[in-house]
Structure formats: C-alpha cells, structure tokens
Amino acid sequence: MQGRKDELSFEGAWENQFKQEQKEPVQKKEKEVKVHSKPEFRGQRDVVEKRAQIRMQSKQKTVVTAKKVEVSTELSSKQGDDFDVEW
C-alpha cells in the first residue's frame, strides 16, 4: 500500500527536498584561513644601561611585640551561672 504523495506527508516532503537539491547544487563553503601577524614586541629587549649605582628600597624590619598573658587564680564562672550556647 502506498502512502499519499502530497506535500504534507513524509514521502512528499522528501521528494520536494530532493528535487530542490537537484536544481540547486550545494555550494561548498571555503574555510576562512586565519593569518597571524607577528606581535610588535615579545621577549627580551637589548638595552644597554649606563648606571653608576643601583638603588633599592631597604627591607623593613618587622618588630615582634611580646604578648602579655595573665593567668587568673579564680574561675571566671561559678557553679550555677547561666550561659547561652548557640548550636
């Protein structure tokens, strides 16, 4: 049993597309070739320096401050004190 051959059926649409492809040949798209230009500057420069001295910042010395630790003889909380604990 043959199906319908109108434009709404699969077979009809297939035939229409096949006919269009036969009329219009597929044009091949050429890939765009990227040309990389040489960068203006990369790498080491040949520079002659004429210096009598090289000045650099002096290192800053870190001053260590002694921490004062006090040890208490009594407990800060006593038995029966209420305190909140957030869980």
PDB file of N, CA and C in Angstrom:
ATOM      1  N   MET A   1       0.840  -1.175   0.000  1.00  0.00           N
ATOM      2  CA  MET A   1       0.000   0.000   0.000  1.00  0.00           C
ATOM      3  C   MET A   1       0.885   1.237   0.000  1.00  0.00           C
ATOM      4  N   GLN A   2       0.646   2.142  -0.891  1.00  0.00           N
ATOM      5  CA  GLN A   2       1.433   3.359  -0.992  1.00  0.00           C
ATOM      6  C   GLN A   2       0.771   4.468  -0.190  1.00  0.00           C
ATOM      7  N   GLY A   3       1.632   5.282   0.397  1.00  0.00           N
ATOM      8  CA  GLY A   3       1.110   6.422   1.150  1.00  0.00           C
ATOM      9  C   GLY A   3       0.799   7.576   0.212  1.00  0.00           C
ATOM     10  N   ARG A   4       0.204   8.589   0.762  1.00  0.00           N
ATOM     11  CA  ARG A   4      -0.119   9.755  -0.051  1.00  0.00           C
ATOM     12  C   ARG A   4       1.162  10.477  -0.455  1.00  0.00           C
ATOM     13  N   LYS A   5       1.135  11.095  -1.599  1.00  0.00           N
ATOM     14  CA  LYS A   5       2.316  11.802  -2.082  1.00  0.00           C
ATOM     15  C   LYS A   5       2.043  13.302  -2.166  1.00  0.00           C
ATOM     16  N   ASP A   6       1.382  13.853  -1.178  1.00  0.00           N
ATOM     17  CA  ASP A   6       1.197  15.294  -1.164  1.00  0.00           C
ATOM     18  C   ASP A   6       2.314  15.928  -0.320  1.00  0.00           C
ATOM     19  N   GLU A   7       2.328  17.235  -0.240  1.00  0.00           N
ATOM     20  CA  GLU A   7       3.424  17.919   0.436  1.00  0.00           C
ATOM     21  C   GLU A   7       3.422  17.699   1.951  1.00  0.00           C
ATOM     22  N   LEU A   8       2.308  17.324   2.516  1.00  0.00           N
ATOM     23  CA  LEU A   8       2.228  17.184   3.966  1.00  0.00           C
ATOM     24  C   LEU A   8       2.735  15.835   4.466  1.00  0.00           C
ATOM     25  N   SER A   9       2.866  14.869   3.592  1.00  0.00           N
ATOM     26  CA  SER A   9       3.353  13.568   4.035  1.00  0.00           C
ATOM     27  C   SER A   9       4.883  13.566   4.008  1.00  0.00           C
ATOM     28  N   PHE A  10       5.459  12.604   4.675  1.00  0.00           N
ATOM     29  CA  PHE A  10       6.916  12.488   4.743  1.00  0.00           C
ATOM     30  C   PHE A  10       7.501  12.231   3.350  1.00  0.00           C
ATOM     31  N   GLU A  11       6.872  11.334   2.628  1.00  0.00           N
ATOM     32  CA  GLU A  11       7.383  10.989   1.302  1.00  0.00           C
ATOM     33  C   GLU A  11       7.318  12.181   0.359  1.00  0.00           C
ATOM     34  N   GLY A  12       6.223  12.942   0.424  1.00  0.00           N
ATOM     35  CA  GLY A  12       6.077  14.116  -0.443  1.00  0.00           C
ATOM     36  C   GLY A  12       7.106  15.188  -0.106  1.00  0.00           C
ATOM     37  N   ALA A  13       7.322  15.428   1.174  1.00  0.00           N
ATOM     38  CA  ALA A  13       8.316  16.420   1.585  1.00  0.00           C
ATOM     39  C   ALA A  13       9.720  15.974   1.185  1.00  0.00           C
ATOM     40  N   TRP A  14       9.975  14.665   1.295  1.00  0.00           N
ATOM     41  CA  TRP A  14      11.285  14.112   0.916  1.00  0.00           C
ATOM     42  C   TRP A  14      11.553  14.324  -0.565  1.00  0.00           C
ATOM     43  N   GLU A  15      10.557  14.057  -1.376  1.00  0.00           N
ATOM     44  CA  GLU A  15      10.704  14.222  -2.817  1.00  0.00           C
ATOM     45  C   GLU A  15      10.888  15.686  -3.185  1.00  0.00           C
ATOM     46  N   ASN A  16      10.148  16.582  -2.545  1.00  0.00           N
ATOM     47  CA  ASN A  16      10.299  18.011  -2.826  1.00  0.00           C
ATOM     48  C   ASN A  16      11.712  18.487  -2.481  1.00  0.00           C
ATOM     49  N   GLN A  17      12.229  18.052  -1.349  1.00  0.00           N
ATOM     50  CA  GLN A  17      13.577  18.456  -0.947  1.00  0.00           C
ATOM     51  C   GLN A  17      14.608  17.877  -1.915  1.00  0.00           C
ATOM     52  N   PHE A  18      14.411  16.649  -2.355  1.00  0.00           N
ATOM     53  CA  PHE A  18      15.337  16.021  -3.292  1.00  0.00           C
ATOM     54  C   PHE A  18      15.356  16.774  -4.625  1.00  0.00           C
ATOM     55  N   LYS A  19      14.175  17.180  -5.084  1.00  0.00           N
ATOM     56  CA  LYS A  19      14.089  17.933  -6.336  1.00  0.00           C
ATOM     57  C   LYS A  19      14.778  19.292  -6.214  1.00  0.00           C
ATOM     58  N   GLN A  20      14.612  19.964  -5.080  1.00  0.00           N
ATOM     59  CA  GLN A  20      15.258  21.262  -4.882  1.00  0.00           C
ATOM     60  C   GLN A  20      16.780  21.122  -4.848  1.00  0.00           C
ATOM     61  N   GLU A  21      17.263  20.073  -4.228  1.00  0.00           N
ATOM     62  CA  GLU A  21      18.708  19.861  -4.174  1.00  0.00           C
ATOM     63  C   GLU A  21      19.272  19.533  -5.554  1.00  0.00           C
ATOM     64  N   GLN A  22      18.485  18.892  -6.408  1.00  0.00           N
ATOM     65  CA  GLN A  22      18.944  18.589  -7.756  1.00  0.00           C
ATOM     66  C   GLN A  22      19.010  19.862  -8.598  1.00  0.00           C
ATOM     67  N   LYS A  23      18.069  20.778  -8.406  1.00  0.00           N
ATOM     68  CA  LYS A  23      18.050  22.022  -9.160  1.00  0.00           C
ATOM     69  C   LYS A  23      19.190  22.942  -8.733  1.00  0.00           C
ATOM     70  N   GLU A  24      19.394  23.084  -7.411  1.00  0.00           N
ATOM     71  CA  GLU A  24      20.413  23.985  -6.873  1.00  0.00           C
ATOM     72  C   GLU A  24      21.549  23.148  -6.292  1.00  0.00           C
ATOM     73  N   PRO A  25      22.680  23.119  -6.964  1.00  0.00           N
ATOM     74  CA  PRO A  25      23.793  22.345  -6.409  1.00  0.00           C
ATOM     75  C   PRO A  25      24.302  22.994  -5.103  1.00  0.00           C
ATOM     76  N   VAL A  26      24.744  22.164  -4.225  1.00  0.00           N
ATOM     77  CA  VAL A  26      25.218  22.639  -2.923  1.00  0.00           C
ATOM     78  C   VAL A  26      26.556  23.335  -3.106  1.00  0.00           C
ATOM     79  N   GLN A  27      26.636  24.548  -2.622  1.00  0.00           N
ATOM     80  CA  GLN A  27      27.879  25.304  -2.737  1.00  0.00           C
ATOM     81  C   GLN A  27      28.753  24.996  -1.525  1.00  0.00           C
ATOM     82  N   LYS A  28      29.994  24.679  -1.804  1.00  0.00           N
ATOM     83  CA  LYS A  28      30.920  24.376  -0.719  1.00  0.00           C
ATOM     84  C   LYS A  28      31.424  25.683  -0.131  1.00  0.00           C
ATOM     85  N   LYS A  29      31.406  25.743   1.174  1.00  0.00           N
ATOM     86  CA  LYS A  29      31.902  26.932   1.859  1.00  0.00           C
ATOM     87  C   LYS A  29      33.389  26.757   2.111  1.00  0.00           C
ATOM     88  N   GLU A  30      34.149  27.759   1.702  1.00  0.00           N
ATOM     89  CA  GLU A  30      35.585  27.695   1.931  1.00  0.00           C
ATOM     90  C   GLU A  30      35.864  28.153   3.361  1.00  0.00           C
ATOM     91  N   LYS A  31      36.755  27.438   4.007  1.00  0.00           N
ATOM     92  CA  LYS A  31      37.103  27.801   5.369  1.00  0.00           C
ATOM     93  C   LYS A  31      37.963  29.055   5.359  1.00  0.00           C
ATOM     94  N   GLU A  32      37.711  29.908   6.328  1.00  0.00           N
ATOM     95  CA  GLU A  32      38.478  31.139   6.436  1.00  0.00           C
ATOM     96  C   GLU A  32      39.840  30.807   7.044  1.00  0.00           C
ATOM     97  N   VAL A  33      40.874  31.234   6.380  1.00  0.00           N
ATOM     98  CA  VAL A  33      42.233  30.966   6.839  1.00  0.00           C
ATOM     99  C   VAL A  33      42.678  32.158   7.678  1.00  0.00           C
ATOM    100  N   LYS A  34      43.044  31.875   8.922  1.00  0.00           N
ATOM    101  CA  LYS A  34      43.483  32.948   9.802  1.00  0.00           C
ATOM    102  C   LYS A  34      44.979  33.167   9.619  1.00  0.00           C
ATOM    103  N   VAL A  35      45.338  34.410   9.430  1.00  0.00           N
ATOM    104  CA  VAL A  35      46.741  34.770   9.268  1.00  0.00           C
ATOM    105  C   VAL A  35      47.166  35.494  10.534  1.00  0.00           C
ATOM    106  N   HIS A  36      48.151  34.945  11.215  1.00  0.00           N
ATOM    107  CA  HIS A  36      48.631  35.544  12.447  1.00  0.00           C
ATOM    108  C   HIS A  36      49.757  36.521  12.126  1.00  0.00           C
ATOM    109  N   SER A  37      49.576  37.743  12.587  1.00  0.00           N
ATOM    110  CA  SER A  37      50.629  38.731  12.369  1.00  0.00           C
ATOM    111  C   SER A  37      51.619  38.663  13.526  1.00  0.00           C
ATOM    112  N   LYS A  38      52.848  38.962  13.234  1.00  0.00           N
ATOM    113  CA  LYS A  38      53.897  38.920  14.240  1.00  0.00           C
ATOM    114  C   LYS A  38      53.660  40.043  15.243  1.00  0.00           C
ATOM    115  N   PRO A  39      53.736  39.768  16.545  1.00  0.00           N
ATOM    116  CA  PRO A  39      53.490  40.812  17.535  1.00  0.00           C
ATOM    117  C   PRO A  39      54.592  41.868  17.495  1.00  0.00           C
ATOM    118  N   GLU A  40      54.234  43.063  17.925  1.00  0.00           N
ATOM    119  CA  GLU A  40      55.194  44.158  17.888  1.00  0.00           C
ATOM    120  C   GLU A  40      56.372  43.893  18.820  1.00  0.00           C
ATOM    121  N   PHE A  41      56.093  43.385  20.023  1.00  0.00           N
ATOM    122  CA  PHE A  41      57.174  43.099  20.951  1.00  0.00           C
ATOM    123  C   PHE A  41      56.782  41.946  21.851  1.00  0.00           C
ATOM    124  N   ARG A  42      57.633  41.003  21.960  1.00  0.00           N
ATOM    125  CA  ARG A  42      57.531  39.920  22.938  1.00  0.00           C
ATOM    126  C   ARG A  42      58.936  39.459  23.233  1.00  0.00           C
ATOM    127  N   GLY A  43      59.226  39.287  24.473  1.00  0.00           N
ATOM    128  CA  GLY A  43      60.524  38.743  24.816  1.00  0.00           C
ATOM    129  C   GLY A  43      61.491  39.780  25.332  1.00  0.00           C
ATOM    130  N   GLN A  44      62.755  39.491  25.228  1.00  0.00           N
ATOM    131  CA  GLN A  44      63.808  40.297  25.816  1.00  0.00           C
ATOM    132  C   GLN A  44      64.209  41.434  24.882  1.00  0.00           C
ATOM    133  N   ARG A  45      64.447  42.578  25.463  1.00  0.00           N
ATOM    134  CA  ARG A  45      64.930  43.718  24.698  1.00  0.00           C
ATOM    135  C   ARG A  45      66.434  43.846  24.907  1.00  0.00           C
ATOM    136  N   ASP A  46      67.106  44.267  23.903  1.00  0.00           N
ATOM    137  CA  ASP A  46      68.540  44.513  24.016  1.00  0.00           C
ATOM    138  C   ASP A  46      68.730  45.979  24.389  1.00  0.00           C
ATOM    139  N   VAL A  47      68.932  46.239  25.681  1.00  0.00           N
ATOM    140  CA  VAL A  47      69.068  47.589  26.178  1.00  0.00           C
ATOM    141  C   VAL A  47      70.387  47.688  26.925  1.00  0.00           C
ATOM    142  N   VAL A  48      71.130  48.743  26.672  1.00  0.00           N
ATOM    143  CA  VAL A  48      72.383  48.980  27.374  1.00  0.00           C
ATOM    144  C   VAL A  48      72.105  50.003  28.464  1.00  0.00           C
ATOM    145  N   GLU A  49      72.403  49.618  29.709  1.00  0.00           N
ATOM    146  CA  GLU A  49      72.177  50.517  30.834  1.00  0.00           C
ATOM    147  C   GLU A  49      73.492  51.151  31.244  1.00  0.00           C
ATOM    148  N   LYS A  50      73.438  52.431  31.506  1.00  0.00           N
ATOM    149  CA  LYS A  50      74.620  53.153  31.968  1.00  0.00           C
ATOM    150  C   LYS A  50      74.309  53.716  33.343  1.00  0.00           C
ATOM    151  N   ARG A  51      74.553  52.897  34.383  1.00  0.00           N
ATOM    152  CA  ARG A  51      74.286  53.320  35.748  1.00  0.00           C
ATOM    153  C   ARG A  51      75.563  53.219  36.573  1.00  0.00           C
ATOM    154  N   ALA A  52      75.697  54.161  37.496  1.00  0.00           N
ATOM    155  CA  ALA A  52      76.819  54.087  38.436  1.00  0.00           C
ATOM    156  C   ALA A  52      76.384  53.331  39.688  1.00  0.00           C
ATOM    157  N   GLN A  53      75.087  53.433  40.030  1.00  0.00           N
ATOM    158  CA  GLN A  53      74.566  52.781  41.229  1.00  0.00           C
ATOM    159  C   GLN A  53      73.203  52.183  40.921  1.00  0.00           C
ATOM    160  N   ILE A  54      72.865  51.182  41.721  1.00  0.00           N
ATOM    161  CA  ILE A  54      71.515  50.624  41.656  1.00  0.00           C
ATOM    162  C   ILE A  54      70.873  50.902  43.003  1.00  0.00           C
ATOM    163  N   ARG A  55      69.788  51.628  43.003  1.00  0.00           N
ATOM    164  CA  ARG A  55      69.108  51.991  44.247  1.00  0.00           C
ATOM    165  C   ARG A  55      67.931  51.054  44.452  1.00  0.00           C
ATOM    166  N   MET A  56      67.902  50.496  45.650  1.00  0.00           N
ATOM    167  CA  MET A  56      66.802  49.607  46.020  1.00  0.00           C
ATOM    168  C   MET A  56      66.279  50.024  47.378  1.00  0.00           C
ATOM    169  N   GLN A  57      65.015  49.757  47.616  1.00  0.00           N
ATOM    170  CA  GLN A  57      64.435  50.066  48.915  1.00  0.00           C
ATOM    171  C   GLN A  57      64.981  49.101  49.946  1.00  0.00           C
ATOM    172  N   SER A  58      65.201  49.615  51.139  1.00  0.00           N
ATOM    173  CA  SER A  58      65.704  48.752  52.199  1.00  0.00           C
ATOM    174  C   SER A  58      64.553  47.931  52.762  1.00  0.00           C
ATOM    175  N   LYS A  59      64.892  46.757  53.273  1.00  0.00           N
ATOM    176  CA  LYS A  59      63.873  45.895  53.843  1.00  0.00           C
ATOM    177  C   LYS A  59      63.379  46.477  55.150  1.00  0.00           C
ATOM    178  N   GLN A  60      62.105  46.408  55.355  1.00  0.00           N
ATOM    179  CA  GLN A  60      61.548  46.877  56.617  1.00  0.00           C
ATOM    180  C   GLN A  60      61.616  45.739  57.620  1.00  0.00           C
ATOM    181  N   LYS A  61      62.159  46.037  58.775  1.00  0.00           N
ATOM    182  CA  LYS A  61      62.271  45.016  59.812  1.00  0.00           C
ATOM    183  C   LYS A  61      60.948  44.922  60.554  1.00  0.00           C
ATOM    184  N   THR A  62      60.492  43.712  60.744  1.00  0.00           N
ATOM    185  CA  THR A  62      59.256  43.512  61.484  1.00  0.00           C
ATOM    186  C   THR A  62      59.569  43.476  62.968  1.00  0.00           C
ATOM    187  N   VAL A  63      58.832  44.264  63.708  1.00  0.00           N
ATOM    188  CA  VAL A  63      59.036  44.338  65.151  1.00  0.00           C
ATOM    189  C   VAL A  63      58.071  43.373  65.807  1.00  0.00           C
ATOM    190  N   VAL A  64      58.614  42.438  66.576  1.00  0.00           N
ATOM    191  CA  VAL A  64      57.791  41.452  67.259  1.00  0.00           C
ATOM    192  C   VAL A  64      57.463  42.002  68.634  1.00  0.00           C
ATOM    193  N   THR A  65      56.172  42.162  68.874  1.00  0.00           N
ATOM    194  CA  THR A  65      55.758  42.650  70.188  1.00  0.00           C
ATOM    195  C   THR A  65      55.441  41.457  71.072  1.00  0.00           C
ATOM    196  N   ALA A  66      55.874  41.518  72.311  1.00  0.00           N
ATOM    197  CA  ALA A  66      55.629  40.422  73.255  1.00  0.00           C
ATOM    198  C   ALA A  66      54.187  40.516  73.748  1.00  0.00           C
ATOM    199  N   LYS A  67      53.518  39.410  73.725  1.00  0.00           N
ATOM    200  CA  LYS A  67      52.133  39.377  74.190  1.00  0.00           C
ATOM    201  C   LYS A  67      52.131  39.204  75.699  1.00  0.00           C
ATOM    202  N   LYS A  68      51.267  39.963  76.324  1.00  0.00           N
ATOM    203  CA  LYS A  68      51.174  39.898  77.775  1.00  0.00           C
ATOM    204  C   LYS A  68      50.061  38.916  78.134  1.00  0.00           C
ATOM    205  N   VAL A  69      50.423  37.855  78.817  1.00  0.00           N
ATOM    206  CA  VAL A  69      49.461  36.828  79.179  1.00  0.00           C
ATOM    207  C   VAL A  69      49.283  36.843  80.687  1.00  0.00           C
ATOM    208  N   GLU A  70      48.021  36.958  81.095  1.00  0.00           N
ATOM    209  CA  GLU A  70      47.724  36.932  82.529  1.00  0.00           C
ATOM    210  C   GLU A  70      46.989  35.643  82.852  1.00  0.00           C
ATOM    211  N   VAL A  71      47.438  34.969  83.879  1.00  0.00           N
ATOM    212  CA  VAL A  71      46.793  33.745  84.327  1.00  0.00           C
ATOM    213  C   VAL A  71      46.045  34.078  85.601  1.00  0.00           C
ATOM    214  N   SER A  72      44.740  33.833  85.576  1.00  0.00           N
ATOM    215  CA  SER A  72      43.940  34.154  86.759  1.00  0.00           C
ATOM    216  C   SER A  72      43.957  32.983  87.736  1.00  0.00           C
ATOM    217  N   THR A  73      43.784  33.311  88.984  1.00  0.00           N
ATOM    218  CA  THR A  73      43.803  32.274  90.019  1.00  0.00           C
ATOM    219  C   THR A  73      42.412  31.712  90.264  1.00  0.00           C
ATOM    220  N   GLU A  74      41.369  32.477  89.907  1.00  0.00           N
ATOM    221  CA  GLU A  74      39.998  32.018  90.137  1.00  0.00           C
ATOM    222  C   GLU A  74      39.323  31.750  88.795  1.00  0.00           C
ATOM    223  N   LEU A  75      38.277  30.946  88.827  1.00  0.00           N
ATOM    224  CA  LEU A  75      37.491  30.687  87.634  1.00  0.00           C
ATOM    225  C   LEU A  75      36.620  31.899  87.325  1.00  0.00           C
ATOM    226  N   SER A  76      36.388  32.168  86.049  1.00  0.00           N
ATOM    227  CA  SER A  76      35.568  33.316  85.679  1.00  0.00           C
ATOM    228  C   SER A  76      34.082  33.022  85.848  1.00  0.00           C
ATOM    229  N   SER A  77      33.712  31.768  85.784  1.00  0.00           N
ATOM    230  CA  SER A  77      32.317  31.402  86.007  1.00  0.00           C
ATOM    231  C   SER A  77      32.242  30.515  87.234  1.00  0.00           C
ATOM    232  N   LYS A  78      31.115  30.603  87.883  1.00  0.00           N
ATOM    233  CA  LYS A  78      30.943  29.831  89.116  1.00  0.00           C
ATOM    234  C   LYS A  78      29.826  28.828  88.908  1.00  0.00           C
ATOM    235  N   GLN A  79      29.743  27.899  89.791  1.00  0.00           N
ATOM    236  CA  GLN A  79      28.718  26.864  89.683  1.00  0.00           C
ATOM    237  C   GLN A  79      27.346  27.508  89.848  1.00  0.00           C
ATOM    238  N   GLY A  80      26.438  27.186  88.911  1.00  0.00           N
ATOM    239  CA  GLY A  80      25.095  27.731  88.957  1.00  0.00           C
ATOM    240  C   GLY A  80      24.901  28.912  88.033  1.00  0.00           C
ATOM    241  N   ASP A  81      25.948  29.425  87.375  1.00  0.00           N
ATOM    242  CA  ASP A  81      25.801  30.539  86.434  1.00  0.00           C
ATOM    243  C   ASP A  81      25.110  30.039  85.165  1.00  0.00           C
ATOM    244  N   ASP A  82      24.226  30.892  84.618  1.00  0.00           N
ATOM    245  CA  ASP A  82      23.550  30.560  83.364  1.00  0.00           C
ATOM    246  C   ASP A  82      24.342  31.150  82.199  1.00  0.00           C
ATOM    247  N   PHE A  83      24.452  30.404  81.146  1.00  0.00           N
ATOM    248  CA  PHE A  83      25.096  30.916  79.942  1.00  0.00           C
ATOM    249  C   PHE A  83      24.417  30.308  78.729  1.00  0.00           C
ATOM    250  N   ASP A  84      24.416  31.056  77.646  1.00  0.00           N
ATOM    251  CA  ASP A  84      23.755  30.629  76.400  1.00  0.00           C
ATOM    252  C   ASP A  84      24.761  29.939  75.490  1.00  0.00           C
ATOM    253  N   VAL A  85      24.337  28.837  74.917  1.00  0.00           N
ATOM    254  CA  VAL A  85      25.152  28.131  73.946  1.00  0.00           C
ATOM    255  C   VAL A  85      24.360  28.063  72.637  1.00  0.00           C
ATOM    256  N   GLU A  86      24.923  28.607  71.582  1.00  0.00           N
ATOM    257  CA  GLU A  86      24.244  28.562  70.281  1.00  0.00           C
ATOM    258  C   GLU A  86      24.742  27.348  69.508  1.00  0.00           C
ATOM    259  N   TRP A  87      23.845  26.487  69.135  1.00  0.00           N
ATOM    260  CA  TRP A  87      24.222  25.261  68.421  1.00  0.00           C
ATOM    261  C   TRP A  87      24.006  25.441  66.979  1.00  0.00           C
TER     262      TRP A  87
END
